[in-house]
C-alpha atoms as a PDB file:
ATOM      1  CA  UNK A   1      39.863  91.414  92.988  1.00  0.00           C
ATOM      2  CA  UNK A   2      39.326  89.222  90.091  1.00  0.00           C
ATOM      3  CA  UNK A   3      43.122  89.834  88.921  1.00  0.00           C
ATOM      4  CA  UNK A   4      43.866  88.461  92.639  1.00  0.00           C
ATOM      5  CA  UNK A   5      41.734  85.264  91.738  1.00  0.00           C
ATOM      6  CA  UNK A   6      42.818  84.228  88.486  1.00  0.00           C
ATOM      7  CA  UNK A   7      47.023  85.471  88.831  1.00  0.00           C
ATOM      8  CA  UNK A   8      47.722  84.036  92.907  1.00  0.00           C
ATOM      9  CA  UNK A   9      47.955  80.781  94.528  1.00  0.00           C
ATOM     10  CA  UNK A  10      47.872  81.771  97.903  1.00  0.00           C
ATOM     11  CA  UNK A  11      45.813  85.110  99.210  1.00  0.00           C
ATOM     12  CA  UNK A  12      46.701  87.218 102.424  1.00  0.00           C
ATOM     13  CA  UNK A  13      44.272  89.219 103.637  1.00  0.00           C
ATOM     14  CA  UNK A  14      45.512  92.330 106.051  1.00  0.00           C
ATOM     15  CA  UNK A  15      42.950  94.363 107.797  1.00  0.00           C
ATOM     16  CA  UNK A  16      44.144  97.654 110.719  1.00  0.00           C
ATOM     17  CA  UNK A  17      47.352  96.600 109.401  1.00  0.00           C
ATOM     18  CA  UNK A  18      47.138  92.837 110.620  1.00  0.00           C
ATOM     19  CA  UNK A  19      47.223  89.577 108.899  1.00  0.00           C
ATOM     20  CA  UNK A  20      43.398  88.281 109.508  1.00  0.00           C
ATOM     21  CA  UNK A  21      43.167  84.959 106.833  1.00  0.00           C
ATOM     22  CA  UNK A  22      45.889  83.413 104.223  1.00  0.00           C
ATOM     23  CA  UNK A  23      44.592  80.982 102.046  1.00  0.00           C
ATOM     24  CA  UNK A  24      43.802  79.960  98.155  1.00  0.00           C
ATOM     25  CA  UNK A  25      41.206  81.791  96.547  1.00  0.00           C
ATOM     26  CA  UNK A  26      39.145  78.980  96.442  1.00  0.00           C
ATOM     27  CA  UNK A  27      39.636  78.063 100.082  1.00  0.00           C
ATOM     28  CA  UNK A  28      38.973  81.872 101.158  1.00  0.00           C
ATOM     29  CA  UNK A  29      35.368  81.870  99.630  1.00  0.00           C
ATOM     30  CA  UNK A  30      34.379  78.104 100.414  1.00  0.00           C
ATOM     31  CA  UNK A  31      34.772  79.673 104.315  1.00  0.00           C
ATOM     32  CA  UNK A  32      31.928  82.501 103.117  1.00  0.00           C
ATOM     33  CA  UNK A  33      29.639  80.110 101.257  1.00  0.00           C
ATOM     34  CA  UNK A  34      28.618  79.233  97.608  1.00  0.00           C
ATOM     35  CA  UNK A  35      28.847  81.974  94.927  1.00  0.00           C
ATOM     36  CA  UNK A  36      30.941  84.412  96.544  1.00  0.00           C
ATOM     37  CA  UNK A  37      33.880  86.184  95.295  1.00  0.00           C
ATOM     38  CA  UNK A  38      37.168  87.486  96.641  1.00  0.00           C
ATOM     39  CA  UNK A  39      35.816  90.998  97.202  1.00  0.00           C
ATOM     40  CA  UNK A  40      32.816  89.468  99.487  1.00  0.00           C
ATOM     41  CA  UNK A  41      35.425  87.591 101.406  1.00  0.00           C
ATOM     42  CA  UNK A  42      37.308  90.746 102.119  1.00  0.00           C
ATOM     43  CA  UNK A  43      33.764  92.532 103.525  1.00  0.00           C
ATOM     44  CA  UNK A  44      33.141  89.278 105.691  1.00  0.00           C
ATOM     45  CA  UNK A  45      37.010  89.363 106.968  1.00  0.00           C
ATOM     46  CA  UNK A  46      37.747  93.306 107.188  1.00  0.00           C
ATOM     47  CA  UNK A  47      34.372  93.674 107.984  1.00  0.00           C
ATOM     48  CA  UNK A  48      34.246  96.248 105.559  1.00  0.00           C
ATOM     49  CA  UNK A  49      33.818  97.150 102.004  1.00  0.00           C
ATOM     50  CA  UNK A  50      37.193  97.540  99.519  1.00  0.00           C
ATOM     51  CA  UNK A  51      36.640 101.224  99.100  1.00  0.00           C
ATOM     52  CA  UNK A  52      35.700 101.953 103.061  1.00  0.00           C
ATOM     53  CA  UNK A  53      36.772 102.194 106.105  1.00  0.00           C
ATOM     54  CA  UNK A  54      40.381 102.789 108.150  1.00  0.00           C
ATOM     55  CA  UNK A  55      43.014 105.637 107.375  1.00  0.00           C
ATOM     56  CA  UNK A  56      46.525 105.925 107.829  1.00  0.00           C
ATOM     57  CA  UNK A  57      46.247 106.877 111.671  1.00  0.00           C
ATOM     58  CA  UNK A  58      44.112 104.015 111.967  1.00  0.00           C
ATOM     59  CA  UNK A  59      46.481 101.596 110.645  1.00  0.00           C
ATOM     60  CA  UNK A  60      49.799 103.004 112.156  1.00  0.00           C
ATOM     61  CA  UNK A  61      47.942 102.912 115.646  1.00  0.00           C
ATOM     62  CA  UNK A  62      47.475  99.107 115.138  1.00  0.00           C
ATOM     63  CA  UNK A  63      50.849  98.755 114.064  1.00  0.00           C
ATOM     64  CA  UNK A  64      52.395 100.214 117.449  1.00  0.00           C
ATOM     65  CA  UNK A  65      50.440  97.075 119.752  1.00  0.00           C
ATOM     66  CA  UNK A  66      52.289  94.223 120.322  1.00  0.00           C
ATOM     67  CA  UNK A  67      51.475  91.330 118.023  1.00  0.00           C
ATOM     68  CA  UNK A  68      53.008  87.844 117.388  1.00  0.00           C
ATOM     69  CA  UNK A  69      52.160  85.737 113.364  1.00  0.00           C
ATOM     70  CA  UNK A  70      53.398  82.426 113.638  1.00  0.00           C
END
């Protein structure tokens, strides 16, 4: 996630096939607290670490539910 922090102007965090949060890396980190990384932001928003949770079947099932992104 260090590359994302260094190279991206805006970041979108997906969780289980849904766009959960969008913002600059600084905005996303400021919402969580001081001295946090984007890994910490992801863990807080997605409820799991970068390496954990979910599988293809979970995402597929979530995508079949109706939802709207505005």
